[in-house]
Amino acid sequence: MTTFDDLLVEVGEFGVHQKTIFFLTCLATTMFPYLYVGIVFLAFTPNHWCRGPGVAELRNECGWSLEEERNYTVPPDSVDNSSFSRCERYDIKWNATSFSCENPLSFLQNASVELPLTMCEDGWVFEEGSFPSIVTEFGLVCAEAWKVDLSQSCLNMGFMLGTIFLGFGADIYGRKKCYLFSIFTTSVAGLAVAFAPSYLWFNIFRTLQGLFSKGGWLSAYVLITEIVGMEYRRTVGILNQMCFSLGMILLAAVAVFIPAWRNLQLVATIPCFVFLTYYWLIPESPRWLLSRQKYDEAQRILQNMAKRNKKHNFSTDIKAVQIEDCVEALKSPSVIDLVKTPQIRKHTLILMFNWFASAVVYLGLVMRLGIMGGNVYINFFISGAVELPAAIIIILLIDRIGRRYPFAGGNFLAGASCLITAFIPDDQYWLKAVISSFGKLGITVAFLMVCFVNTELYPTFLRNFAISVCSVLSDFGGIVAPFLLYRLAAIWIEMPLVVFAVIAMIAGALVLFLPETMGVTLPETIEEAETIGREKKTAPKATYELVAVHPSAETSNDK
């Protein structure tokens, strides 16, 4: 019986046609990190303190620097006397009292009582040289700091809802249509974010970006993995992941030169409109067309593929390609299909938790860069660069020892690194940075492996939908991660790392209950998916199929 993979051998498994499409999808992938983790720059929080009534006029009159103004108007931090309070000020009306410019608080030296304190009722002063962010523009500090968490959670809420919606659409209406719809709507919403007049509208537009982005990104990556031969699916998966990491590195470089959040938003959004030209440059997945019995269109695309790949002997009538249980292949995917049979149900639950764990730990470690001190641009650059070895590790291991052990090992490495980092003294900054980098490396491996394994455990008619549903838990993890990070860090700066460690360890243990899929052909039916790991391997070479949810990927690839 002729299979679609047999057709790919005849028309070229990874020729000019596939390489061109893959290159185009990679370009789009490099833009996704801004949406997924750009909150590090959008919501950067500089040093700040309370603004007192009349202080600005007094500072101009006395010629004070911002540091002198701070020293005179706010008390020391109640926990760390070497620092200053960011959310309280002396309850003094500077514009209604006469003070000495040299020592305006000299009257305190002989006072028997301390000055009363009050909250920041008149806004905040941000340190000199700080660039505009949503924090400085909308005053998201102190009692309003939780709104930064909410902004990232709104994005991931959009991811969660949109992934199911577009994932279902990609299996019913096609990969290409969903991808182009996603590009257009996400780009329009991105422009709206740049001109958001208030915090409320900022969150509304960010939610819309999430709603339309990740599901479309998934559709594009499923498309490219469906048109390359088995032995090349690993290559396109790893390279696409590296493009996400390169996008993080590029984002750090761009943010250095364009730090203001509205300008950065525009620079990251406007190029995305160019991707609408993919309407003419990228064809529909012929594998999907075949599964929907659209033989003429599939035949035309395969003939064009053979021509561009210089395979002039292609003459197979695509109607000769058979799909087992054609009725099943044509039916609409359903959530019930993910839980009604024992093995698929087990796989679904384990993968869901791993999507959740990968997103929580990955996003938590990235957003932690904004509160750990040091240069945020350098820290973000290193965070992206450390992901690149993860791709090499997977290339070296998955053909030798399979999927499960690298998958579980990535989680265990992330968990152990987070736990060790939490208890390294603060004065050993570089040691903490190195160990936490191993954590980022480990969770990147795990994020990429959950993409591998998710696609290899489900039949064709259910594959995109299953990825979308399972990866919804990564979006839920993205909703939870900001609150875990910032609220727990307010109690103890390293407490989030301990929580991340526990989550990653549990995820690694659950992976060991999944079947090994190395060398197993992609299942076409539920019956085949149920027997994965129970029968002898049927392919001499490993079968790979990935989705680009990175995170979120989510997100997306997500990872």
Protein backbone atom coordinates (compact mmCIF):
# COMPACT_ATOMS: atom_id res chain seq x y z
CA MET A 1 0.00 0.00 0.00
CA THR A 2 1.38 3.40 -1.00
CA THR A 3 1.64 5.85 1.89
CA PHE A 4 2.13 9.61 1.88
CA ASP A 5 5.70 9.14 3.11
CA ASP A 6 6.31 7.01 0.01
CA LEU A 7 5.09 9.93 -2.10
CA LEU A 8 7.51 12.26 -0.33
CA VAL A 9 10.39 9.99 -1.27
CA GLU A 10 9.28 10.21 -4.89
CA VAL A 11 8.81 14.02 -5.01
CA GLY A 12 11.75 14.83 -2.72
CA GLU A 13 11.78 14.59 1.07
CA PHE A 14 13.54 17.89 1.75
CA GLY A 15 14.22 19.60 -1.54
CA VAL A 16 14.16 23.22 -2.64
CA HIS A 17 10.38 23.38 -2.23
CA GLN A 18 10.38 22.30 1.42
CA LYS A 19 13.49 24.30 2.28
CA THR A 20 11.89 27.47 0.94
CA ILE A 21 8.73 26.97 2.98
CA PHE A 22 10.76 26.07 6.04
CA PHE A 23 12.89 29.21 5.70
CA LEU A 24 9.75 31.34 5.51
CA THR A 25 8.26 29.78 8.64
CA CYS A 26 11.56 30.27 10.47
CA LEU A 27 11.48 33.99 9.70
CA ALA A 28 8.10 34.21 11.39
CA THR A 29 9.38 32.15 14.33
CA THR A 30 12.11 34.68 15.10
CA MET A 31 9.40 37.29 15.72
CA PHE A 32 7.42 35.23 18.21
CA PRO A 33 9.74 35.64 21.26
CA TYR A 34 8.79 39.31 21.51
CA LEU A 35 5.16 38.40 22.00
CA TYR A 36 5.87 35.47 24.31
CA VAL A 37 8.50 36.93 26.65
CA GLY A 38 8.72 40.60 25.65
CA ILE A 39 7.05 41.55 28.93
CA VAL A 40 10.57 41.62 30.39
CA PHE A 41 11.14 44.86 28.43
CA LEU A 42 7.57 46.12 28.16
CA ALA A 43 7.16 46.04 31.93
CA PHE A 44 10.70 46.79 33.06
CA THR A 45 10.55 48.32 36.55
CA PRO A 46 13.28 50.88 37.35
CA ASN A 47 14.09 52.11 40.84
CA HIS A 48 11.33 54.37 42.10
CA TRP A 49 10.09 56.22 45.16
CA CYS A 50 7.08 58.28 46.21
CA ARG A 51 6.58 61.78 44.85
CA GLY A 52 5.79 64.30 47.57
CA PRO A 53 3.58 67.36 47.06
CA GLY A 54 5.72 70.36 46.19
CA VAL A 55 9.00 68.39 46.12
CA ALA A 56 9.64 68.97 42.42
CA GLU A 57 9.46 72.76 42.86
CA LEU A 58 11.72 72.61 45.92
CA ARG A 59 14.22 70.45 44.07
CA ASN A 60 14.41 73.00 41.24
CA GLU A 61 14.78 75.83 43.72
CA CYS A 62 17.51 74.12 45.73
CA GLY A 63 19.24 72.43 42.78
CA TRP A 64 18.95 68.95 44.27
CA SER A 65 19.74 65.85 42.27
CA LEU A 66 17.15 63.07 42.13
CA GLU A 67 19.23 61.11 44.64
CA GLU A 68 19.23 64.02 47.08
CA GLU A 69 15.48 64.45 46.65
CA ARG A 70 14.98 60.77 47.43
CA ASN A 71 17.19 60.88 50.53
CA TYR A 72 15.25 63.83 51.92
CA THR A 73 11.71 62.71 51.13
CA VAL A 74 11.52 58.93 51.70
CA PRO A 75 12.54 56.82 54.71
CA PRO A 76 14.99 53.90 54.69
CA ASP A 77 13.61 50.50 53.78
CA SER A 78 12.13 48.80 56.85
CA VAL A 79 13.94 45.55 56.02
CA ASP A 80 17.17 46.76 54.45
CA ASN A 81 18.37 50.04 55.98
CA SER A 82 21.00 50.40 53.27
CA SER A 83 18.19 50.85 50.75
CA PHE A 84 15.15 53.16 50.63
CA SER A 85 11.41 52.65 50.78
CA ARG A 86 9.77 52.46 47.37
CA CYS A 87 6.18 52.60 48.54
CA GLU A 88 6.16 55.04 51.47
CA ARG A 89 7.20 58.66 52.02
CA TYR A 90 7.38 61.14 54.85
CA ASP A 91 3.99 62.75 55.40
CA ILE A 92 5.23 66.28 54.79
CA LYS A 93 3.65 68.98 52.65
CA TRP A 94 6.80 70.41 51.14
CA ASN A 95 4.92 73.16 49.36
CA ALA A 96 3.40 74.49 52.59
CA THR A 97 6.47 74.62 54.82
CA SER A 98 9.79 76.44 54.78
CA PHE A 99 12.83 74.16 54.72
CA SER A 100 16.57 74.57 54.45
CA CYS A 101 17.99 73.46 51.11
CA GLU A 102 21.17 72.12 52.75
CA ASN A 103 19.48 69.95 55.37
CA PRO A 104 15.69 70.14 55.16
CA LEU A 105 15.19 67.44 57.80
CA SER A 106 17.53 69.00 60.37
CA PHE A 107 14.62 69.48 62.79
CA LEU A 108 14.52 65.67 63.15
CA GLN A 109 17.88 65.57 64.89
CA ASN A 110 16.42 66.71 68.22
CA ALA A 111 12.92 65.37 67.70
CA SER A 112 11.64 62.78 70.14
CA VAL A 113 9.18 61.26 67.67
CA GLU A 114 9.55 60.00 64.15
CA LEU A 115 7.86 61.62 61.20
CA PRO A 116 4.60 59.96 60.17
CA LEU A 117 4.65 58.02 56.93
CA THR A 118 2.09 57.79 54.17
CA MET A 119 1.61 55.86 50.94
CA CYS A 120 2.40 57.17 47.46
CA GLU A 121 -0.74 59.22 47.00
CA ASP A 122 0.86 61.66 44.54
CA GLY A 123 2.51 59.16 42.24
CA TRP A 124 6.12 58.05 41.88
CA VAL A 125 9.48 59.37 40.79
CA PHE A 126 11.53 56.99 38.63
CA GLU A 127 15.30 57.06 38.62
CA GLU A 128 17.03 59.31 36.15
CA GLY A 129 17.73 57.70 32.80
CA SER A 130 14.97 55.10 33.05
CA PHE A 131 13.16 54.50 29.77
CA PRO A 132 9.36 54.47 29.34
CA SER A 133 7.64 51.16 30.08
CA ILE A 134 4.07 50.26 30.93
CA VAL A 135 5.21 50.34 34.57
CA THR A 136 6.36 53.96 34.44
CA GLU A 137 3.49 55.11 32.20
CA PHE A 138 0.63 53.43 34.04
CA GLY A 139 2.16 53.47 37.54
CA LEU A 140 2.28 49.68 38.01
CA VAL A 141 4.33 49.59 41.23
CA CYS A 142 3.70 48.99 44.92
CA ALA A 143 0.00 48.24 45.45
CA GLU A 144 -0.50 48.21 41.65
CA ALA A 145 2.40 45.83 40.92
CA TRP A 146 0.07 42.84 40.52
CA LYS A 147 -1.20 44.42 37.30
CA VAL A 148 2.10 43.51 35.62
CA ASP A 149 1.35 39.87 36.44
CA LEU A 150 -2.14 40.33 35.02
CA SER A 151 -0.79 41.72 31.73
CA GLN A 152 1.20 38.57 31.02
CA SER A 153 -1.67 36.40 32.22
CA CYS A 154 -4.06 38.13 29.80
CA LEU A 155 -1.74 37.24 26.92
CA ASN A 156 -1.64 33.62 28.00
CA MET A 157 -5.39 33.57 28.50
CA GLY A 158 -5.62 34.55 24.85
CA PHE A 159 -3.17 31.78 23.98
CA MET A 160 -5.28 29.25 25.87
CA LEU A 161 -8.56 30.12 24.17
CA GLY A 162 -7.13 30.76 20.72
CA THR A 163 -5.03 27.61 20.55
CA ILE A 164 -8.10 25.38 20.79
CA PHE A 165 -10.08 27.55 18.41
CA LEU A 166 -7.39 27.78 15.70
CA GLY A 167 -6.13 24.25 16.33
CA PHE A 168 -9.59 22.91 15.58
CA GLY A 169 -9.83 25.21 12.57
CA ALA A 170 -6.52 23.98 11.18
CA ASP A 171 -7.75 20.39 11.16
CA ILE A 172 -11.07 21.37 9.56
CA TYR A 173 -10.26 24.31 7.26
CA GLY A 174 -6.57 23.78 6.62
CA ARG A 175 -3.17 24.75 7.99
CA LYS A 176 -2.53 27.62 5.57
CA LYS A 177 -5.83 29.46 6.06
CA CYS A 178 -5.48 29.44 9.83
CA TYR A 179 -1.88 30.60 9.63
CA LEU A 180 -2.64 33.59 7.39
CA PHE A 181 -5.66 34.54 9.49
CA SER A 182 -3.42 34.42 12.55
CA ILE A 183 -0.74 36.64 10.98
CA PHE A 184 -3.23 39.34 9.99
CA THR A 185 -5.18 39.51 13.24
CA THR A 186 -2.09 39.31 15.46
CA SER A 187 -0.37 42.11 13.54
CA VAL A 188 -3.41 44.40 13.73
CA ALA A 189 -3.74 43.73 17.47
CA GLY A 190 -0.01 44.43 17.87
CA LEU A 191 -0.39 47.86 16.31
CA ALA A 192 -3.30 48.55 18.64
CA VAL A 193 -1.11 47.64 21.64
CA ALA A 194 1.46 50.26 20.60
CA PHE A 195 -1.20 52.98 20.73
CA ALA A 196 -3.12 51.72 23.77
CA PRO A 197 -4.37 54.82 25.65
CA SER A 198 -4.68 53.11 29.03
CA TYR A 199 -3.75 50.04 31.00
CA LEU A 200 -7.20 48.52 30.37
CA TRP A 201 -6.90 48.84 26.60
CA PHE A 202 -3.34 47.54 26.74
CA ASN A 203 -4.62 44.32 28.33
CA ILE A 204 -7.52 44.02 25.90
CA PHE A 205 -5.25 44.27 22.87
CA ARG A 206 -2.66 41.92 24.39
CA THR A 207 -5.40 39.35 24.99
CA LEU A 208 -6.42 39.62 21.33
CA GLN A 209 -2.81 39.10 20.28
CA GLY A 210 -2.69 35.91 22.30
CA LEU A 211 -6.07 34.78 21.02
CA PHE A 212 -4.98 34.83 17.37
CA SER A 213 -1.25 34.13 17.48
CA LYS A 214 -0.20 30.82 18.96
CA GLY A 215 -2.76 28.61 17.24
CA GLY A 216 -1.71 29.99 13.88
CA TRP A 217 1.93 29.44 14.68
CA LEU A 218 1.13 25.82 15.52
CA SER A 219 -0.66 25.43 12.20
CA ALA A 220 2.34 26.67 10.24
CA TYR A 221 4.69 24.31 11.97
CA VAL A 222 2.45 21.31 11.60
CA LEU A 223 2.30 22.18 7.90
CA ILE A 224 6.06 22.14 7.44
CA THR A 225 6.52 18.91 9.38
CA GLU A 226 3.83 17.25 7.25
CA ILE A 227 5.63 17.95 3.95
CA VAL A 228 9.14 16.74 4.82
CA GLY A 229 10.35 13.15 4.95
CA MET A 230 10.68 11.21 8.18
CA GLU A 231 14.43 11.60 8.54
CA TYR A 232 14.20 15.40 8.12
CA ARG A 233 11.49 16.13 10.67
CA ARG A 234 14.08 16.23 13.40
CA THR A 235 16.12 18.77 11.44
CA VAL A 236 13.26 21.17 10.85
CA GLY A 237 12.16 20.85 14.47
CA ILE A 238 15.56 21.63 15.93
CA LEU A 239 16.26 24.49 13.53
CA ASN A 240 12.88 26.04 14.20
CA GLN A 241 13.57 25.91 17.93
CA MET A 242 16.94 27.54 17.34
CA CYS A 243 15.18 30.33 15.43
CA PHE A 244 13.04 31.02 18.51
CA SER A 245 16.23 31.24 20.59
CA LEU A 246 17.88 33.45 17.99
CA GLY A 247 14.79 35.63 18.14
CA MET A 248 15.35 36.09 21.88
CA ILE A 249 18.96 37.10 21.25
CA LEU A 250 17.86 39.54 18.53
CA LEU A 251 15.19 40.96 20.82
CA ALA A 252 17.79 41.77 23.48
CA ALA A 253 19.90 43.59 20.89
CA VAL A 254 16.95 45.57 19.47
CA ALA A 255 15.72 46.53 22.95
CA VAL A 256 19.10 48.09 23.76
CA PHE A 257 18.66 50.60 20.94
CA ILE A 258 14.88 50.99 21.17
CA PRO A 259 14.08 50.78 24.89
CA ALA A 260 10.83 52.81 24.93
CA TRP A 261 8.01 50.27 25.03
CA ARG A 262 5.72 51.83 22.40
CA ASN A 263 8.54 52.16 19.86
CA LEU A 264 9.72 48.62 20.60
CA GLN A 265 6.16 47.35 20.10
CA LEU A 266 5.97 49.02 16.69
CA VAL A 267 9.36 47.69 15.58
CA ALA A 268 8.34 44.16 16.58
CA THR A 269 4.91 44.37 14.91
CA ILE A 270 5.24 46.18 11.57
CA PRO A 271 7.53 43.54 9.94
CA CYS A 272 4.88 40.90 10.64
CA PHE A 273 2.64 42.36 7.93
CA VAL A 274 5.23 41.20 5.38
CA PHE A 275 4.34 37.62 6.29
CA LEU A 276 0.94 38.09 4.63
CA THR A 277 2.78 37.55 1.32
CA TYR A 278 2.91 33.89 2.35
CA TYR A 279 -0.52 33.61 0.74
CA TRP A 280 1.33 33.30 -2.56
CA LEU A 281 4.48 31.64 -1.26
CA ILE A 282 3.25 28.78 0.94
CA PRO A 283 0.90 25.99 -0.28
CA GLU A 284 -1.55 23.98 1.79
CA SER A 285 -0.37 20.73 3.35
CA PRO A 286 -0.98 17.96 0.78
CA ARG A 287 -1.10 15.43 3.61
CA TRP A 288 -4.02 17.34 5.13
CA LEU A 289 -5.68 17.69 1.71
CA LEU A 290 -5.42 13.94 1.22
CA SER A 291 -6.98 13.30 4.62
CA ARG A 292 -9.93 15.50 3.52
CA GLN A 293 -10.14 13.69 0.13
CA LYS A 294 -9.23 16.83 -1.82
CA TYR A 295 -7.26 14.81 -4.33
CA ASP A 296 -7.00 17.27 -7.24
CA GLU A 297 -5.49 20.07 -5.15
CA ALA A 298 -3.13 17.66 -3.38
CA GLN A 299 -2.05 16.23 -6.74
CA ARG A 300 -1.29 19.71 -8.09
CA ILE A 301 0.79 20.69 -5.05
CA LEU A 302 2.78 17.44 -5.17
CA GLN A 303 3.47 17.87 -8.89
CA ASN A 304 4.74 21.40 -8.24
CA MET A 305 6.84 20.09 -5.36
CA ALA A 306 8.38 17.44 -7.62
CA LYS A 307 9.10 20.04 -10.32
CA ARG A 308 10.86 22.43 -7.92
CA ASN A 309 12.81 19.55 -6.39
CA LYS A 310 13.83 18.44 -9.91
CA LYS A 311 12.09 15.07 -9.53
CA HIS A 312 10.76 14.83 -13.06
CA ASN A 313 9.62 11.21 -12.87
CA PHE A 314 6.75 11.79 -10.45
CA SER A 315 3.58 10.37 -11.99
CA THR A 316 1.73 8.67 -9.13
CA ASP A 317 -1.99 9.23 -9.03
CA ILE A 318 -2.58 10.49 -5.53
CA LYS A 319 -5.91 8.68 -5.39
CA ALA A 320 -3.88 5.49 -5.14
CA VAL A 321 -2.61 6.60 -1.75
CA GLN A 322 -4.68 4.91 0.90
CA ILE A 323 -5.47 5.96 4.46
CA GLU A 324 -6.58 3.24 6.79
CA ASP A 325 -10.10 3.74 8.10
CA CYS A 326 -10.90 6.65 5.82
CA VAL A 327 -14.08 7.45 7.70
CA GLU A 328 -12.02 8.09 10.81
CA ALA A 329 -9.58 10.25 8.90
CA LEU A 330 -12.41 12.46 7.68
CA LYS A 331 -14.27 12.94 10.92
CA SER A 332 -13.95 16.06 13.02
CA PRO A 333 -11.54 15.78 15.97
CA SER A 334 -13.09 15.85 19.40
CA VAL A 335 -11.88 16.21 22.98
CA ILE A 336 -13.59 12.87 23.63
CA ASP A 337 -11.07 11.21 21.31
CA LEU A 338 -8.29 12.32 23.65
CA VAL A 339 -9.67 10.51 26.69
CA LYS A 340 -11.95 7.67 25.57
CA THR A 341 -9.25 5.01 25.07
CA PRO A 342 -6.86 3.95 27.88
CA GLN A 343 -3.44 4.63 26.35
CA ILE A 344 -4.36 7.88 24.62
CA ARG A 345 -6.01 9.06 27.84
CA LYS A 346 -2.84 8.34 29.82
CA HIS A 347 -0.69 10.08 27.21
CA THR A 348 -2.98 13.11 27.17
CA LEU A 349 -2.90 13.61 30.95
CA ILE A 350 0.87 13.21 31.19
CA LEU A 351 1.52 15.54 28.27
CA MET A 352 -0.87 18.13 29.65
CA PHE A 353 1.02 18.30 32.92
CA ASN A 354 4.33 18.51 31.08
CA TRP A 355 3.08 21.37 28.93
CA PHE A 356 2.02 23.14 32.13
CA ALA A 357 5.33 22.45 33.89
CA SER A 358 7.45 23.53 30.92
CA ALA A 359 5.61 26.84 30.58
CA VAL A 360 5.65 27.66 34.30
CA VAL A 361 9.36 26.96 34.71
CA TYR A 362 10.45 28.44 31.37
CA LEU A 363 8.46 31.67 31.70
CA GLY A 364 9.30 31.93 35.38
CA LEU A 365 13.04 31.76 34.68
CA VAL A 366 12.79 34.32 31.85
CA MET A 367 10.69 36.82 33.81
CA ARG A 368 12.98 36.36 36.80
CA LEU A 369 15.62 38.20 34.76
CA GLY A 370 13.73 41.42 35.47
CA ILE A 371 14.05 41.10 39.26
CA MET A 372 17.40 39.37 39.79
CA GLY A 373 19.50 42.52 39.33
CA GLY A 374 22.34 43.18 36.92
CA ASN A 375 22.00 44.27 33.30
CA VAL A 376 18.65 43.05 31.99
CA TYR A 377 19.85 43.13 28.36
CA ILE A 378 22.91 40.99 29.03
CA ASN A 379 20.91 38.62 31.21
CA PHE A 380 18.26 38.24 28.51
CA PHE A 381 20.90 37.71 25.83
CA ILE A 382 22.54 34.95 27.87
CA SER A 383 19.14 33.41 28.56
CA GLY A 384 18.51 33.11 24.82
CA ALA A 385 22.03 31.93 24.00
CA VAL A 386 21.93 29.13 26.58
CA GLU A 387 18.99 27.60 24.71
CA LEU A 388 21.10 26.87 21.62
CA PRO A 389 23.03 23.94 23.19
CA ALA A 390 19.66 22.34 23.98
CA ALA A 391 19.16 21.77 20.26
CA ILE A 392 22.57 20.11 19.95
CA ILE A 393 21.88 17.88 22.94
CA ILE A 394 18.65 16.64 21.41
CA ILE A 395 20.26 15.99 18.03
CA LEU A 396 22.95 13.90 19.68
CA LEU A 397 20.67 11.92 21.97
CA ILE A 398 17.24 11.20 20.52
CA ASP A 399 18.51 8.86 17.78
CA ARG A 400 20.72 7.03 20.25
CA ILE A 401 18.74 6.69 23.44
CA GLY A 402 15.24 7.69 22.34
CA ARG A 403 12.77 10.31 23.51
CA ARG A 404 11.87 9.48 27.07
CA TYR A 405 15.24 9.83 28.78
CA PRO A 406 16.22 13.22 27.27
CA PHE A 407 12.66 14.41 27.96
CA ALA A 408 12.73 13.32 31.60
CA GLY A 409 16.37 14.35 31.99
CA GLY A 410 15.63 17.91 30.87
CA ASN A 411 12.97 18.23 33.56
CA PHE A 412 15.22 16.73 36.23
CA LEU A 413 18.10 19.05 35.28
CA ALA A 414 15.80 22.07 35.44
CA GLY A 415 14.42 21.02 38.82
CA ALA A 416 17.80 20.32 40.38
CA SER A 417 19.30 23.57 39.06
CA CYS A 418 16.42 25.67 40.38
CA LEU A 419 16.68 24.05 43.80
CA ILE A 420 20.46 24.52 44.03
CA THR A 421 20.28 28.13 42.81
CA ALA A 422 17.74 29.00 45.49
CA PHE A 423 20.21 28.22 48.28
CA ILE A 424 23.38 29.76 46.81
CA PRO A 425 24.29 32.94 48.75
CA ASP A 426 23.48 36.22 47.02
CA ASP A 427 27.09 37.38 47.13
CA GLN A 428 28.02 34.54 44.74
CA TYR A 429 26.14 36.15 41.85
CA TRP A 430 28.00 34.49 39.00
CA LEU A 431 27.66 31.02 40.51
CA LYS A 432 23.92 31.58 40.82
CA ALA A 433 23.83 32.76 37.21
CA VAL A 434 25.71 29.70 35.93
CA ILE A 435 23.62 27.17 37.84
CA SER A 436 20.35 28.87 36.85
CA SER A 437 21.54 28.76 33.23
CA PHE A 438 21.65 24.98 33.50
CA GLY A 439 18.05 25.18 34.65
CA LYS A 440 17.12 27.19 31.57
CA LEU A 441 18.98 24.67 29.40
CA GLY A 442 17.13 21.76 30.98
CA ILE A 443 13.66 23.24 30.69
CA THR A 444 14.36 24.20 27.06
CA VAL A 445 15.19 20.56 26.33
CA ALA A 446 11.97 19.49 28.06
CA PHE A 447 9.90 22.10 26.21
CA LEU A 448 11.25 20.96 22.86
CA MET A 449 10.79 17.28 23.71
CA VAL A 450 7.15 17.71 24.69
CA CYS A 451 6.65 19.05 21.16
CA PHE A 452 8.33 15.95 19.68
CA VAL A 453 6.44 13.46 21.74
CA ASN A 454 3.03 15.13 21.47
CA THR A 455 3.00 14.85 17.67
CA GLU A 456 4.22 11.25 17.64
CA LEU A 457 1.54 9.82 19.92
CA TYR A 458 -1.65 10.84 18.04
CA PRO A 459 -3.20 9.82 14.69
CA THR A 460 -3.19 12.20 11.72
CA PHE A 461 -6.83 13.33 11.92
CA LEU A 462 -6.35 14.21 15.60
CA ARG A 463 -2.74 15.40 15.60
CA ASN A 464 -3.09 19.18 15.31
CA PHE A 465 -6.12 19.23 17.59
CA ALA A 466 -4.37 17.08 20.21
CA ILE A 467 -1.36 19.37 20.20
CA SER A 468 -3.61 22.37 20.58
CA VAL A 469 -5.61 20.90 23.47
CA CYS A 470 -2.60 19.55 25.35
CA SER A 471 -0.66 22.77 24.90
CA VAL A 472 -3.54 24.70 26.43
CA LEU A 473 -2.01 23.66 29.75
CA SER A 474 1.15 25.54 28.77
CA ASP A 475 -1.01 28.62 28.39
CA PHE A 476 -2.56 27.99 31.79
CA GLY A 477 1.01 27.71 33.09
CA GLY A 478 1.71 31.08 31.47
CA ILE A 479 -1.23 32.55 33.37
CA VAL A 480 0.01 31.15 36.67
CA ALA A 481 3.76 31.83 36.21
CA PRO A 482 3.76 35.64 36.75
CA PHE A 483 1.77 35.38 39.95
CA LEU A 484 3.97 32.55 41.24
CA LEU A 485 7.12 34.51 40.45
CA TYR A 486 6.28 38.00 41.67
CA ARG A 487 4.01 37.20 44.62
CA LEU A 488 6.25 34.45 46.04
CA ALA A 489 9.36 36.59 45.44
CA ALA A 490 7.78 39.28 47.64
CA ILE A 491 7.91 36.74 50.50
CA TRP A 492 11.35 35.34 49.71
CA ILE A 493 13.18 36.21 46.53
CA GLU A 494 14.16 32.57 45.89
CA MET A 495 10.87 30.90 46.83
CA PRO A 496 9.68 30.73 43.19
CA LEU A 497 12.74 28.63 42.32
CA VAL A 498 11.81 26.05 44.95
CA VAL A 499 8.29 25.79 43.53
CA PHE A 500 9.66 25.53 39.97
CA ALA A 501 11.98 22.72 41.11
CA VAL A 502 9.13 20.65 42.55
CA ILE A 503 6.98 21.09 39.43
CA ALA A 504 9.82 20.12 37.08
CA MET A 505 10.73 17.02 39.12
CA ILE A 506 7.14 15.75 39.06
CA ALA A 507 6.95 16.34 35.31
CA GLY A 508 10.17 14.37 34.74
CA ALA A 509 8.88 11.42 36.75
CA LEU A 510 5.63 11.30 34.76
CA VAL A 511 7.50 11.24 31.44
CA LEU A 512 8.91 7.82 32.34
CA PHE A 513 5.38 6.39 32.01
CA LEU A 514 5.15 7.34 28.31
CA PRO A 515 6.02 4.82 25.57
CA GLU A 516 9.21 5.19 23.55
CA THR A 517 8.48 6.45 20.01
CA MET A 518 11.94 6.32 18.46
CA GLY A 519 11.74 4.56 15.11
CA VAL A 520 7.95 4.25 15.16
CA THR A 521 5.94 5.50 12.16
CA LEU A 522 3.38 8.22 12.74
CA PRO A 523 0.03 6.62 13.64
CA GLU A 524 -2.83 7.14 11.19
CA THR A 525 -5.65 5.72 13.33
CA ILE A 526 -6.63 5.51 16.98
CA GLU A 527 -5.91 1.78 16.93
CA GLU A 528 -2.34 2.43 15.83
CA ALA A 529 -1.93 5.15 18.47
CA GLU A 530 -3.18 2.74 21.17
CA THR A 531 -0.54 0.15 20.30
CA ILE A 532 2.50 2.45 20.27
CA GLY A 533 5.19 0.89 22.41
CA ARG A 534 3.50 -2.53 22.36
CA GLU A 535 4.64 -3.73 18.97
CA LYS A 536 7.90 -3.94 17.09
CA LYS A 537 9.23 -0.81 15.46
CA THR A 538 8.12 -0.54 11.87
CA ALA A 539 10.47 2.12 10.52
CA PRO A 540 14.22 1.72 10.12
CA LYS A 541 14.66 5.44 10.70
CA ALA A 542 13.28 7.64 13.43
CA THR A 543 10.00 9.41 12.75
CA TYR A 544 9.87 13.03 13.80
CA GLU A 545 7.10 15.55 13.84
CA LEU A 546 7.17 18.69 15.92
CA VAL A 547 5.16 21.75 16.67
CA ALA A 548 6.58 25.17 17.37
CA VAL A 549 5.18 25.89 20.78
CA HIS A 550 7.93 27.30 22.95
CA PRO A 551 7.05 28.00 25.32
CA SER A 552 3.25 28.64 25.52
CA ALA A 553 3.84 27.78 23.44
CA GLU A 554 2.95 27.91 24.02
CA THR A 555 2.72 28.54 24.08
CA SER A 556 3.02 27.77 21.10
CA ASN A 557 6.64 25.48 20.84
CA ASP A 558 5.21 26.08 22.00
CA LYS A 559 8.75 24.45 23.83
